[in-house]
Amino acid sequence: RAVSEVIPPRRLAREELVAEGPHCAVPEVIATTKQGQTVCLSPSAPWVKLILTRILKRYPRGR
């Protein structure tokens, strides 16, 4: 179950983008908080899209 409520970025320790594939039809954004809680984020939420942009800038394709 994906959440769309805003989680302050300072509470996030790690964000991970899992691309769509045979295991799942839609991309997933998994975040781990500094307290160790793993949360599935809704990729359609505006604030999550900002996180996705940051991840994609950090790891551009073709490198």
PDB file of N, CA and C in Angstrom:
ATOM      1  N   ARG A   1       0.848  -1.176   0.000  1.00  0.00           N
ATOM      2  CA  ARG A   1       0.000   0.000   0.000  1.00  0.00           C
ATOM      3  C   ARG A   1       0.886   1.229   0.000  1.00  0.00           C
ATOM      4  N   ALA A   2       0.666   2.076  -0.949  1.00  0.00           N
ATOM      5  CA  ALA A   2       1.480   3.286  -1.081  1.00  0.00           C
ATOM      6  C   ALA A   2       0.846   4.437  -0.310  1.00  0.00           C
ATOM      7  N   VAL A   3       1.683   5.241   0.303  1.00  0.00           N
ATOM      8  CA  VAL A   3       1.200   6.419   1.025  1.00  0.00           C
ATOM      9  C   VAL A   3       1.503   7.666   0.205  1.00  0.00           C
ATOM     10  N   SER A   4       0.632   8.654   0.328  1.00  0.00           N
ATOM     11  CA  SER A   4       0.848   9.905  -0.401  1.00  0.00           C
ATOM     12  C   SER A   4       1.035  11.087   0.543  1.00  0.00           C
ATOM     13  N   GLU A   5       0.909  10.860   1.870  1.00  0.00           N
ATOM     14  CA  GLU A   5       1.129  11.948   2.819  1.00  0.00           C
ATOM     15  C   GLU A   5       2.592  12.368   2.757  1.00  0.00           C
ATOM     16  N   VAL A   6       2.826  13.649   2.925  1.00  0.00           N
ATOM     17  CA  VAL A   6       4.182  14.180   2.854  1.00  0.00           C
ATOM     18  C   VAL A   6       4.983  13.724   4.069  1.00  0.00           C
ATOM     19  N   ILE A   7       6.161  13.185   3.793  1.00  0.00           N
ATOM     20  CA  ILE A   7       7.119  12.847   4.841  1.00  0.00           C
ATOM     21  C   ILE A   7       8.260  13.846   4.690  1.00  0.00           C
ATOM     22  N   PRO A   8       8.579  14.600   5.737  1.00  0.00           N
ATOM     23  CA  PRO A   8       9.648  15.595   5.612  1.00  0.00           C
ATOM     24  C   PRO A   8      10.954  14.938   5.163  1.00  0.00           C
ATOM     25  N   PRO A   9      11.613  15.505   4.162  1.00  0.00           N
ATOM     26  CA  PRO A   9      12.855  14.910   3.655  1.00  0.00           C
ATOM     27  C   PRO A   9      13.915  14.690   4.727  1.00  0.00           C
ATOM     28  N   ARG A  10      13.933  15.519   5.757  1.00  0.00           N
ATOM     29  CA  ARG A  10      14.939  15.348   6.812  1.00  0.00           C
ATOM     30  C   ARG A  10      14.722  14.052   7.596  1.00  0.00           C
ATOM     31  N   ARG A  11      13.514  13.464   7.509  1.00  0.00           N
ATOM     32  CA  ARG A  11      13.234  12.196   8.189  1.00  0.00           C
ATOM     33  C   ARG A  11      13.622  10.985   7.352  1.00  0.00           C
ATOM     34  N   LEU A  12      13.942  11.210   6.069  1.00  0.00           N
ATOM     35  CA  LEU A  12      14.264  10.099   5.182  1.00  0.00           C
ATOM     36  C   LEU A  12      15.761   9.820   5.189  1.00  0.00           C
ATOM     37  N   ALA A  13      16.095   8.548   5.338  1.00  0.00           N
ATOM     38  CA  ALA A  13      17.493   8.140   5.299  1.00  0.00           C
ATOM     39  C   ALA A  13      17.873   7.648   3.913  1.00  0.00           C
ATOM     40  N   ARG A  14      16.891   7.062   3.200  1.00  0.00           N
ATOM     41  CA  ARG A  14      17.191   6.474   1.891  1.00  0.00           C
ATOM     42  C   ARG A  14      15.933   6.430   1.047  1.00  0.00           C
ATOM     43  N   GLU A  15      16.102   6.697  -0.254  1.00  0.00           N
ATOM     44  CA  GLU A  15      15.010   6.558  -1.208  1.00  0.00           C
ATOM     45  C   GLU A  15      15.495   5.616  -2.304  1.00  0.00           C
ATOM     46  N   GLU A  16      14.592   4.755  -2.778  1.00  0.00           N
ATOM     47  CA  GLU A  16      14.957   3.791  -3.812  1.00  0.00           C
ATOM     48  C   GLU A  16      13.856   3.740  -4.857  1.00  0.00           C
ATOM     49  N   LEU A  17      14.237   3.759  -6.110  1.00  0.00           N
ATOM     50  CA  LEU A  17      13.295   3.650  -7.216  1.00  0.00           C
ATOM     51  C   LEU A  17      13.380   2.236  -7.765  1.00  0.00           C
ATOM     52  N   VAL A  18      12.242   1.527  -7.776  1.00  0.00           N
ATOM     53  CA  VAL A  18      12.163   0.181  -8.337  1.00  0.00           C
ATOM     54  C   VAL A  18      11.356   0.300  -9.619  1.00  0.00           C
ATOM     55  N   ALA A  19      12.015   0.069 -10.742  1.00  0.00           N
ATOM     56  CA  ALA A  19      11.365   0.224 -12.046  1.00  0.00           C
ATOM     57  C   ALA A  19      10.302  -0.847 -12.252  1.00  0.00           C
ATOM     58  N   GLU A  20       9.354  -0.535 -13.126  1.00  0.00           N
ATOM     59  CA  GLU A  20       8.330  -1.520 -13.453  1.00  0.00           C
ATOM     60  C   GLU A  20       8.989  -2.698 -14.155  1.00  0.00           C
ATOM     61  N   GLY A  21       8.387  -3.847 -14.024  1.00  0.00           N
ATOM     62  CA  GLY A  21       8.939  -5.056 -14.626  1.00  0.00           C
ATOM     63  C   GLY A  21       7.987  -6.211 -14.410  1.00  0.00           C
ATOM     64  N   PRO A  22       8.471  -7.442 -14.541  1.00  0.00           N
ATOM     65  CA  PRO A  22       7.589  -8.595 -14.395  1.00  0.00           C
ATOM     66  C   PRO A  22       7.021  -8.742 -12.982  1.00  0.00           C
ATOM     67  N   HIS A  23       7.703  -8.176 -11.990  1.00  0.00           N
ATOM     68  CA  HIS A  23       7.254  -8.284 -10.608  1.00  0.00           C
ATOM     69  C   HIS A  23       6.164  -7.274 -10.260  1.00  0.00           C
ATOM     70  N   CYS A  24       6.107  -6.165 -11.000  1.00  0.00           N
ATOM     71  CA  CYS A  24       5.140  -5.108 -10.695  1.00  0.00           C
ATOM     72  C   CYS A  24       4.902  -4.276 -11.954  1.00  0.00           C
ATOM     73  N   ALA A  25       3.646  -3.911 -12.198  1.00  0.00           N
ATOM     74  CA  ALA A  25       3.288  -3.189 -13.425  1.00  0.00           C
ATOM     75  C   ALA A  25       3.587  -1.692 -13.359  1.00  0.00           C
ATOM     76  N   VAL A  26       3.777  -1.168 -12.159  1.00  0.00           N
ATOM     77  CA  VAL A  26       4.044   0.265 -12.004  1.00  0.00           C
ATOM     78  C   VAL A  26       5.357   0.465 -11.249  1.00  0.00           C
ATOM     79  N   PRO A  27       6.046   1.597 -11.475  1.00  0.00           N
ATOM     80  CA  PRO A  27       7.266   1.861 -10.705  1.00  0.00           C
ATOM     81  C   PRO A  27       6.923   2.092  -9.237  1.00  0.00           C
ATOM     82  N   GLU A  28       7.842   1.724  -8.366  1.00  0.00           N
ATOM     83  CA  GLU A  28       7.642   1.903  -6.932  1.00  0.00           C
ATOM     84  C   GLU A  28       8.739   2.804  -6.386  1.00  0.00           C
ATOM     85  N   VAL A  29       8.377   3.585  -5.395  1.00  0.00           N
ATOM     86  CA  VAL A  29       9.355   4.399  -4.686  1.00  0.00           C
ATOM     87  C   VAL A  29       9.321   3.936  -3.234  1.00  0.00           C
ATOM     88  N   ILE A  30      10.442   3.372  -2.789  1.00  0.00           N
ATOM     89  CA  ILE A  30      10.540   2.858  -1.431  1.00  0.00           C
ATOM     90  C   ILE A  30      11.443   3.797  -0.644  1.00  0.00           C
ATOM     91  N   ALA A  31      10.954   4.266   0.495  1.00  0.00           N
ATOM     92  CA  ALA A  31      11.740   5.157   1.344  1.00  0.00           C
ATOM     93  C   ALA A  31      11.960   4.489   2.690  1.00  0.00           C
ATOM     94  N   THR A  32      13.138   4.715   3.250  1.00  0.00           N
ATOM     95  CA  THR A  32      13.447   4.246   4.590  1.00  0.00           C
ATOM     96  C   THR A  32      13.678   5.477   5.449  1.00  0.00           C
ATOM     97  N   THR A  33      12.969   5.546   6.575  1.00  0.00           N
ATOM     98  CA  THR A  33      13.132   6.688   7.470  1.00  0.00           C
ATOM     99  C   THR A  33      14.362   6.482   8.342  1.00  0.00           C
ATOM    100  N   LYS A  34      14.796   7.535   8.993  1.00  0.00           N
ATOM    101  CA  LYS A  34      15.948   7.445   9.887  1.00  0.00           C
ATOM    102  C   LYS A  34      15.656   6.556  11.087  1.00  0.00           C
ATOM    103  N   GLN A  35      14.365   6.317  11.364  1.00  0.00           N
ATOM    104  CA  GLN A  35      13.978   5.419  12.445  1.00  0.00           C
ATOM    105  C   GLN A  35      13.956   3.960  11.983  1.00  0.00           C
ATOM    106  N   GLY A  36      14.219   3.721  10.683  1.00  0.00           N
ATOM    107  CA  GLY A  36      14.277   2.364  10.161  1.00  0.00           C
ATOM    108  C   GLY A  36      12.980   1.847   9.572  1.00  0.00           C
ATOM    109  N   GLN A  37      11.960   2.667   9.506  1.00  0.00           N
ATOM    110  CA  GLN A  37      10.674   2.254   8.952  1.00  0.00           C
ATOM    111  C   GLN A  37      10.730   2.337   7.428  1.00  0.00           C
ATOM    112  N   THR A  38      10.262   1.274   6.752  1.00  0.00           N
ATOM    113  CA  THR A  38      10.211   1.254   5.296  1.00  0.00           C
ATOM    114  C   THR A  38       8.808   1.626   4.852  1.00  0.00           C
ATOM    115  N   VAL A  39       8.717   2.559   3.895  1.00  0.00           N
ATOM    116  CA  VAL A  39       7.431   3.069   3.436  1.00  0.00           C
ATOM    117  C   VAL A  39       7.408   3.046   1.912  1.00  0.00           C
ATOM    118  N   CYS A  40       6.308   2.560   1.351  1.00  0.00           N
ATOM    119  CA  CYS A  40       6.107   2.610  -0.095  1.00  0.00           C
ATOM    120  C   CYS A  40       5.387   3.923  -0.398  1.00  0.00           C
ATOM    121  N   LEU A  41       6.000   4.749  -1.238  1.00  0.00           N
ATOM    122  CA  LEU A  41       5.443   6.062  -1.551  1.00  0.00           C
ATOM    123  C   LEU A  41       4.666   6.015  -2.857  1.00  0.00           C
ATOM    124  N   SER A  42       3.605   6.774  -2.926  1.00  0.00           N
ATOM    125  CA  SER A  42       2.794   6.858  -4.136  1.00  0.00           C
ATOM    126  C   SER A  42       3.555   7.643  -5.201  1.00  0.00           C
ATOM    127  N   PRO A  43       3.899   7.007  -6.345  1.00  0.00           N
ATOM    128  CA  PRO A  43       4.668   7.719  -7.361  1.00  0.00           C
ATOM    129  C   PRO A  43       3.909   8.862  -8.021  1.00  0.00           C
ATOM    130  N   SER A  44       2.596   8.939  -7.829  1.00  0.00           N
ATOM    131  CA  SER A  44       1.819  10.016  -8.446  1.00  0.00           C
ATOM    132  C   SER A  44       1.714  11.258  -7.556  1.00  0.00           C
ATOM    133  N   ALA A  45       2.138  11.163  -6.298  1.00  0.00           N
ATOM    134  CA  ALA A  45       2.083  12.317  -5.394  1.00  0.00           C
ATOM    135  C   ALA A  45       3.114  13.361  -5.833  1.00  0.00           C
ATOM    136  N   PRO A  46       2.736  14.645  -5.867  1.00  0.00           N
ATOM    137  CA  PRO A  46       3.655  15.693  -6.340  1.00  0.00           C
ATOM    138  C   PRO A  46       4.992  15.722  -5.600  1.00  0.00           C
ATOM    139  N   TRP A  47       4.982  15.549  -4.291  1.00  0.00           N
ATOM    140  CA  TRP A  47       6.235  15.609  -3.539  1.00  0.00           C
ATOM    141  C   TRP A  47       7.116  14.407  -3.828  1.00  0.00           C
ATOM    142  N   VAL A  48       6.506  13.265  -4.160  1.00  0.00           N
ATOM    143  CA  VAL A  48       7.282  12.073  -4.514  1.00  0.00           C
ATOM    144  C   VAL A  48       7.915  12.264  -5.895  1.00  0.00           C
ATOM    145  N   LYS A  49       7.207  12.956  -6.785  1.00  0.00           N
ATOM    146  CA  LYS A  49       7.771  13.245  -8.109  1.00  0.00           C
ATOM    147  C   LYS A  49       9.047  14.075  -7.979  1.00  0.00           C
ATOM    148  N   LEU A  50       9.094  14.974  -6.999  1.00  0.00           N
ATOM    149  CA  LEU A  50      10.316  15.747  -6.760  1.00  0.00           C
ATOM    150  C   LEU A  50      11.456  14.835  -6.319  1.00  0.00           C
ATOM    151  N   ILE A  51      11.148  13.860  -5.471  1.00  0.00           N
ATOM    152  CA  ILE A  51      12.158  12.894  -5.037  1.00  0.00           C
ATOM    153  C   ILE A  51      12.652  12.086  -6.229  1.00  0.00           C
ATOM    154  N   LEU A  52      11.724  11.665  -7.094  1.00  0.00           N
ATOM    155  CA  LEU A  52      12.102  10.905  -8.288  1.00  0.00           C
ATOM    156  C   LEU A  52      13.038  11.717  -9.175  1.00  0.00           C
ATOM    157  N   THR A  53      12.739  12.995  -9.348  1.00  0.00           N
ATOM    158  CA  THR A  53      13.595  13.863 -10.150  1.00  0.00           C
ATOM    159  C   THR A  53      14.996  13.916  -9.556  1.00  0.00           C
ATOM    160  N   ARG A  54      15.070  14.025  -8.240  1.00  0.00           N
ATOM    161  CA  ARG A  54      16.370  14.077  -7.562  1.00  0.00           C
ATOM    162  C   ARG A  54      17.144  12.769  -7.748  1.00  0.00           C
ATOM    163  N   ILE A  55      16.445  11.633  -7.644  1.00  0.00           N
ATOM    164  CA  ILE A  55      17.095  10.331  -7.836  1.00  0.00           C
ATOM    165  C   ILE A  55      17.611  10.205  -9.263  1.00  0.00           C
ATOM    166  N   LEU A  56      16.781  10.579 -10.238  1.00  0.00           N
ATOM    167  CA  LEU A  56      17.167  10.429 -11.637  1.00  0.00           C
ATOM    168  C   LEU A  56      18.322  11.362 -12.016  1.00  0.00           C
ATOM    169  N   LYS A  57      18.406  12.535 -11.384  1.00  0.00           N
ATOM    170  CA  LYS A  57      19.537  13.433 -11.633  1.00  0.00           C
ATOM    171  C   LYS A  57      20.820  12.853 -11.046  1.00  0.00           C
ATOM    172  N   ARG A  58      20.689  12.198  -9.905  1.00  0.00           N
ATOM    173  CA  ARG A  58      21.848  11.623  -9.227  1.00  0.00           C
ATOM    174  C   ARG A  58      22.418  10.440 -10.010  1.00  0.00           C
ATOM    175  N   TYR A  59      21.530   9.657 -10.629  1.00  0.00           N
ATOM    176  CA  TYR A  59      21.942   8.459 -11.365  1.00  0.00           C
ATOM    177  C   TYR A  59      21.391   8.502 -12.782  1.00  0.00           C
ATOM    178  N   PRO A  60      21.991   9.317 -13.653  1.00  0.00           N
ATOM    179  CA  PRO A  60      21.475   9.405 -15.028  1.00  0.00           C
ATOM    180  C   PRO A  60      21.675   8.093 -15.783  1.00  0.00           C
ATOM    181  N   ARG A  61      20.781   7.839 -16.726  1.00  0.00           N
ATOM    182  CA  ARG A  61      20.878   6.622 -17.545  1.00  0.00           C
ATOM    183  C   ARG A  61      22.096   6.709 -18.446  1.00  0.00           C
ATOM    184  N   GLY A  62      22.636   5.541 -18.776  1.00  0.00           N
ATOM    185  CA  GLY A  62      23.739   5.482 -19.707  1.00  0.00           C
ATOM    186  C   GLY A  62      25.107   5.725 -19.100  1.00  0.00           C
ATOM    187  N   ARG A  63      25.180   5.806 -17.791  1.00  0.00           N
ATOM    188  CA  ARG A  63      26.484   6.003 -17.138  1.00  0.00           C
ATOM    189  C   ARG A  63      27.050   4.707 -16.690  1.00  0.00           C
TER     190      ARG A  63
END
